Structure formats: structure tokens, C-alpha cells
Amino acid sequence: MRFILGFLSALLGMLAGWSALAALVVMLAGPDRDGGIAMGAFFNIGPVGGVTGLIAGIWLFMRFGLIRNAAPPAAEAPDAAPHPKTRLSIPFAVTVLLIAASLAWWGWYEFIRSPNLTHGFMTLELQFRLPAGMTLPDNREDVQIEVEEARGYATAMLPANWRAHDGDRAAIIATASLMYKTRHRVVSLTLPGTPTQTWPIDLPSDPDPTPGYSPWRIASEPSPAKIEMHFRLTADR
């Protein structure tokens, strides 16, 4: 039992040091949309924190995980059983086992059950309606649409018929793929000469396909350009 707790303490210390140092580097480096900084921090710098955490975990186990008994009486019967010099600390053992069990459950959820959506990759169909009198750019590359999903970003695709109309108002058609179980989803639209506008996507973390388009809504941040957006969600399976 001592070996198991000592191993878990060292392993948890290594994981904590590795992830903490990598997270600190990512936080100091600032936003990283392509993931290069995060990958470098995790694989190149994280191991330094892992070694430090490993040593700290072993030290914590030796310092708090083992309780040294008081010195035995000077005179003892010849046939008395020897007193063990150390014993495990019950609070320390319970804490280590609870943390290890929590991490094991999280690992099962993320890596075995997978964070991918139940319906597979789902298609988010987006439509943007511009105010009356506002025109669309001629080049599709001037239209930047991103979908933020958890901590990742996906660039929406514009089909061949991306330029559309709703009565006398110009409109944009786009699609993007949803891949992860998360409640944090935000759509952003950037047009030439117009501030970036964002819309939160009100969906459950593991959504089902929607029967139709959502109501039109204005961007969450006030902007002179009253562009509206609505969406629907379809499933691969």
C-alpha cells in the first residue's frame, strides 16, 4: 500500500507540475489560434515542470504521507513484537486516492468516451442578414466567419452561392462543423469597414439537430451595423 500511494503521489505531482508550467507559458504567451504555442509548451517546456512535480510529489509523500511513531519505551519484554517505525497518514492517503480517482474519471470521459458529439460531426448552417442599403463585398476572402467552440476555432466555409438576398436586404450563407461537447460556442463575423460582431450559439453541450432555423438575432455587442444572424444544426448520422 505504501508503494502504491508513493507512486500515485509522485505521478500526481508530475502531472500537476507538467500541466501547470505548460498552462503558465500559454497564459503568458497570449491567444494562440493555431495551437502552435500550446503544443510547444506542453511537449517542450512541460517536461521540466513534470520533473519538478515528480520530486515534489515524492517529498510530500515522505513528509506528510508517512507518520513516524514516537520512540518505544526503554524496557520492553523480550518477546514483544517490534513497533513499526512509520505508518501511513490516513488523511493524506484519502486525499491522494480521491484526486487519482477524479483524474481517472476525467481521463475516461475525455479519451475513452471521447468529447466528440454523439451525432458525429454536425453542420452548423449560418445565415447573416445585412441592414437595408448595406452591400456585400465582391471577394469572398473579405468575409471572415469563425466559430469558437470551447477553446478552438473553426473557419466557416462559404459555398458557391454565398451571396444571397432576403427581400431588399443582402445576406450571407455559410457552414461550419461542430465537433466537441461544450456549452461555449460563439460565431463571429468580420466585414471590411465593419467591426467584428459576435453571436452566442444557444445549444446544449451535446445538441440534437434542430428542426429549423433559430429566430433572427442581432449581435451581442452593440454596433452601428445591425447585422442579424440565425442558424440551424444538422447531423451526419
Protein backbone atom coordinates (compact mmCIF):
# COMPACT_ATOMS: atom_id res chain seq x y z
CA MET A 1 0.00 0.00 0.00
CA ARG A 2 2.84 2.38 0.76
CA PHE A 3 4.37 1.76 -2.64
CA ILE A 4 1.03 2.42 -4.37
CA LEU A 5 0.44 5.69 -2.52
CA GLY A 6 4.03 6.78 -3.05
CA PHE A 7 3.74 6.04 -6.77
CA LEU A 8 0.41 7.89 -7.04
CA SER A 9 1.80 10.88 -5.13
CA ALA A 10 4.81 11.08 -7.46
CA LEU A 11 2.62 10.61 -10.55
CA LEU A 12 0.14 13.29 -9.47
CA GLY A 13 3.00 15.67 -8.70
CA MET A 14 4.46 15.08 -12.16
CA LEU A 15 1.10 15.70 -13.87
CA ALA A 16 0.48 18.82 -11.79
CA GLY A 17 3.93 20.28 -12.49
CA TRP A 18 3.79 19.42 -16.19
CA SER A 19 0.34 20.91 -16.80
CA ALA A 20 0.89 23.93 -14.55
CA LEU A 21 4.09 25.01 -16.29
CA ALA A 22 2.60 24.45 -19.75
CA ALA A 23 -0.53 26.41 -18.79
CA LEU A 24 1.60 29.25 -17.40
CA VAL A 25 3.55 29.51 -20.67
CA VAL A 26 0.35 29.53 -22.72
CA MET A 27 -1.18 32.18 -20.45
CA LEU A 28 1.89 34.44 -20.70
CA ALA A 29 2.14 33.94 -24.47
CA GLY A 30 -1.43 35.11 -25.05
CA PRO A 31 -4.05 33.83 -27.53
CA ASP A 32 -2.91 31.11 -29.91
CA ARG A 33 -5.46 30.20 -32.55
CA ASP A 34 -3.42 27.62 -34.46
CA GLY A 35 -2.32 25.73 -31.34
CA GLY A 36 1.44 26.00 -32.01
CA ILE A 37 2.30 27.69 -28.72
CA ALA A 38 0.18 25.25 -26.72
CA MET A 39 1.81 22.24 -28.39
CA GLY A 40 5.31 23.62 -27.82
CA ALA A 41 4.53 24.49 -24.20
CA PHE A 42 3.13 21.04 -23.49
CA PHE A 43 5.79 18.90 -25.20
CA ASN A 44 8.91 21.07 -24.93
CA ILE A 45 8.54 23.03 -21.70
CA GLY A 46 6.05 20.92 -19.77
CA PRO A 47 8.53 18.07 -19.03
CA VAL A 48 10.65 20.48 -16.95
CA GLY A 49 7.65 21.09 -14.72
CA GLY A 50 6.96 17.36 -14.74
CA VAL A 51 10.36 16.52 -13.26
CA THR A 52 9.96 19.24 -10.63
CA GLY A 53 6.47 17.99 -9.77
CA LEU A 54 7.71 14.39 -9.56
CA ILE A 55 10.30 15.36 -6.97
CA ALA A 56 7.74 17.46 -5.09
CA GLY A 57 5.27 14.55 -5.04
CA ILE A 58 7.85 12.19 -3.56
CA TRP A 59 8.83 14.80 -0.97
CA LEU A 60 5.19 15.36 0.01
CA PHE A 61 4.68 11.63 0.44
CA MET A 62 7.77 11.29 2.64
CA ARG A 63 6.90 14.43 4.61
CA PHE A 64 3.13 14.12 5.09
CA GLY A 65 2.21 10.63 3.87
CA LEU A 66 4.26 8.79 6.47
CA ILE A 67 3.85 9.37 10.21
CA ARG A 68 6.78 8.43 12.40
CA ASN A 69 5.85 6.76 15.68
CA ALA A 70 7.19 8.01 18.96
CA ALA A 71 10.27 6.28 20.37
CA PRO A 72 9.39 2.94 22.07
CA PRO A 73 9.82 2.55 25.82
CA ALA A 74 13.33 1.77 27.00
CA ALA A 75 12.37 -1.53 28.59
CA GLU A 76 10.24 -3.99 26.70
CA ALA A 77 9.53 -7.66 27.11
CA PRO A 78 11.97 -9.85 25.11
CA ASP A 79 9.15 -11.47 23.18
CA ALA A 80 7.27 -8.22 22.42
CA ALA A 81 6.53 -7.55 18.76
CA PRO A 82 8.64 -4.73 17.27
CA HIS A 83 6.85 -1.42 16.75
CA PRO A 84 6.81 -0.19 13.15
CA LYS A 85 8.82 3.00 12.75
CA THR A 86 6.34 4.64 10.38
CA ARG A 87 2.70 4.31 9.37
CA LEU A 88 0.55 5.77 6.63
CA SER A 89 -1.30 9.04 7.14
CA ILE A 90 -4.99 8.30 6.57
CA PRO A 91 -5.92 11.90 5.52
CA PHE A 92 -3.05 12.04 3.04
CA ALA A 93 -3.94 8.60 1.62
CA VAL A 94 -7.63 9.53 1.22
CA THR A 95 -6.72 12.81 -0.49
CA VAL A 96 -4.36 11.13 -2.96
CA LEU A 97 -6.87 8.40 -3.77
CA LEU A 98 -9.70 10.92 -4.33
CA ILE A 99 -7.57 13.04 -6.66
CA ALA A 100 -6.40 9.96 -8.57
CA ALA A 101 -9.98 8.69 -8.91
CA SER A 102 -11.19 12.09 -10.15
CA LEU A 103 -8.43 12.28 -12.76
CA ALA A 104 -9.12 8.70 -13.84
CA TRP A 105 -12.80 9.52 -14.36
CA TRP A 106 -11.91 12.67 -16.32
CA GLY A 107 -9.49 10.68 -18.46
CA TRP A 108 -12.16 8.07 -19.15
CA TYR A 109 -14.59 10.77 -20.20
CA GLU A 110 -12.17 12.69 -22.42
CA PHE A 111 -10.11 9.93 -24.02
CA ILE A 112 -12.24 6.78 -23.95
CA ARG A 113 -15.79 8.11 -24.14
CA SER A 114 -14.46 10.92 -26.38
CA PRO A 115 -15.58 14.55 -26.35
CA ASN A 116 -16.93 14.22 -29.89
CA LEU A 117 -20.62 14.84 -30.34
CA THR A 118 -22.99 11.88 -30.12
CA HIS A 119 -24.26 12.53 -33.65
CA GLY A 120 -20.74 12.83 -35.06
CA PHE A 121 -19.55 15.99 -36.76
CA MET A 122 -22.56 18.28 -37.03
CA THR A 123 -23.04 21.01 -39.62
CA LEU A 124 -23.91 24.47 -38.39
CA GLU A 125 -25.71 26.29 -41.19
CA LEU A 126 -25.42 30.06 -40.77
CA GLN A 127 -27.22 32.93 -42.46
CA PHE A 128 -26.40 36.60 -41.92
CA ARG A 129 -28.82 39.35 -42.95
CA LEU A 130 -27.35 42.81 -43.54
CA PRO A 131 -29.28 46.04 -42.94
CA ALA A 132 -31.10 47.64 -45.85
CA GLY A 133 -28.71 49.57 -48.06
CA MET A 134 -25.58 47.71 -46.91
CA THR A 135 -23.80 45.86 -49.72
CA LEU A 136 -21.74 42.69 -49.71
CA PRO A 137 -18.04 42.64 -50.61
CA ASP A 138 -17.20 41.33 -54.06
CA ASN A 139 -14.49 38.95 -52.86
CA ARG A 140 -15.39 36.08 -50.55
CA GLU A 141 -11.96 36.37 -48.92
CA ASP A 142 -13.11 39.68 -47.43
CA VAL A 143 -15.73 37.79 -45.42
CA GLN A 144 -14.28 36.26 -42.25
CA ILE A 145 -16.56 33.98 -40.24
CA GLU A 146 -15.27 31.99 -37.28
CA VAL A 147 -16.94 29.61 -34.87
CA GLU A 148 -15.37 29.40 -31.43
CA GLU A 149 -16.09 26.05 -29.83
CA ALA A 150 -14.69 25.56 -26.31
CA ARG A 151 -11.10 26.77 -26.79
CA GLY A 152 -10.79 26.02 -30.50
CA TYR A 153 -11.67 27.96 -33.62
CA ALA A 154 -13.13 26.80 -36.92
CA THR A 155 -13.35 28.91 -40.07
CA ALA A 156 -16.77 28.78 -41.70
CA MET A 157 -16.94 27.78 -45.35
CA LEU A 158 -18.71 29.91 -47.95
CA PRO A 159 -20.50 27.90 -50.67
CA ALA A 160 -20.66 28.97 -54.29
CA ASN A 161 -23.98 30.70 -53.63
CA TRP A 162 -22.78 32.52 -50.52
CA ARG A 163 -24.19 35.83 -51.76
CA ALA A 164 -27.94 35.84 -51.14
CA HIS A 165 -30.84 38.23 -50.60
CA ASP A 166 -33.80 38.43 -48.25
CA GLY A 167 -36.11 40.88 -49.95
CA ASP A 168 -34.12 44.09 -50.41
CA ARG A 169 -31.50 43.06 -47.85
CA ALA A 170 -28.23 41.35 -48.74
CA ALA A 171 -27.41 38.10 -46.96
CA ILE A 172 -24.50 35.70 -46.47
CA ILE A 173 -24.73 31.91 -46.36
CA ALA A 174 -22.02 29.87 -44.60
CA THR A 175 -21.47 26.49 -42.93
CA ALA A 176 -19.17 25.22 -40.20
CA SER A 177 -18.60 21.91 -38.41
CA LEU A 178 -19.21 21.35 -34.71
CA MET A 179 -17.09 18.64 -33.13
CA TYR A 180 -16.98 18.96 -29.34
CA LYS A 181 -19.27 18.70 -26.35
CA THR A 182 -19.30 22.18 -24.87
CA ARG A 183 -21.75 24.90 -23.97
CA HIS A 184 -19.41 27.66 -25.13
CA ARG A 185 -20.00 28.35 -28.82
CA VAL A 186 -19.69 31.80 -30.40
CA VAL A 187 -19.98 32.90 -34.04
CA SER A 188 -18.07 35.99 -35.21
CA LEU A 189 -18.39 37.89 -38.49
CA THR A 190 -15.89 40.42 -39.85
CA LEU A 191 -16.59 42.50 -42.95
CA PRO A 192 -14.48 45.28 -44.49
CA GLY A 193 -15.12 48.58 -42.71
CA THR A 194 -17.31 46.93 -40.07
CA PRO A 195 -16.31 45.99 -36.51
CA THR A 196 -16.27 42.29 -35.72
CA GLN A 197 -19.64 41.17 -34.41
CA THR A 198 -20.33 38.09 -32.31
CA TRP A 199 -23.34 35.92 -31.54
CA PRO A 200 -23.50 33.24 -28.83
CA ILE A 201 -24.95 29.93 -30.02
CA ASP A 202 -27.56 28.75 -27.54
CA LEU A 203 -27.22 24.98 -27.76
CA PRO A 204 -26.73 22.19 -25.19
CA SER A 205 -23.24 20.74 -24.81
CA ASP A 206 -24.29 17.65 -26.79
CA PRO A 207 -27.06 19.01 -29.07
CA ASP A 208 -29.53 17.25 -31.29
CA PRO A 209 -30.30 18.52 -34.80
CA THR A 210 -32.64 21.50 -34.81
CA PRO A 211 -35.99 21.26 -36.64
CA GLY A 212 -35.43 24.59 -38.39
CA TYR A 213 -33.64 27.89 -38.23
CA SER A 214 -33.48 29.84 -34.99
CA PRO A 215 -35.07 33.32 -34.81
CA TRP A 216 -33.04 36.20 -36.22
CA ARG A 217 -30.89 37.89 -33.62
CA ILE A 218 -28.64 40.96 -33.51
CA ALA A 219 -25.02 40.68 -32.41
CA SER A 220 -24.38 40.61 -28.66
CA GLU A 221 -22.02 43.60 -28.86
CA PRO A 222 -23.60 46.95 -29.85
CA SER A 223 -22.57 48.00 -33.35
CA PRO A 224 -23.75 50.60 -35.87
CA ALA A 225 -24.18 47.75 -38.37
CA LYS A 226 -27.33 45.95 -37.29
CA ILE A 227 -26.42 42.62 -38.88
CA GLU A 228 -28.67 39.73 -37.93
CA MET A 229 -27.84 36.04 -37.77
CA HIS A 230 -29.77 32.81 -37.44
CA PHE A 231 -28.72 29.15 -37.65
CA ARG A 232 -29.81 25.56 -37.80
CA LEU A 233 -27.97 22.35 -36.96
CA THR A 234 -27.89 19.13 -38.98
CA ALA A 235 -26.26 15.80 -38.13
CA ASP A 236 -24.01 13.42 -40.04
CA ARG A 237 -25.86 10.45 -38.57
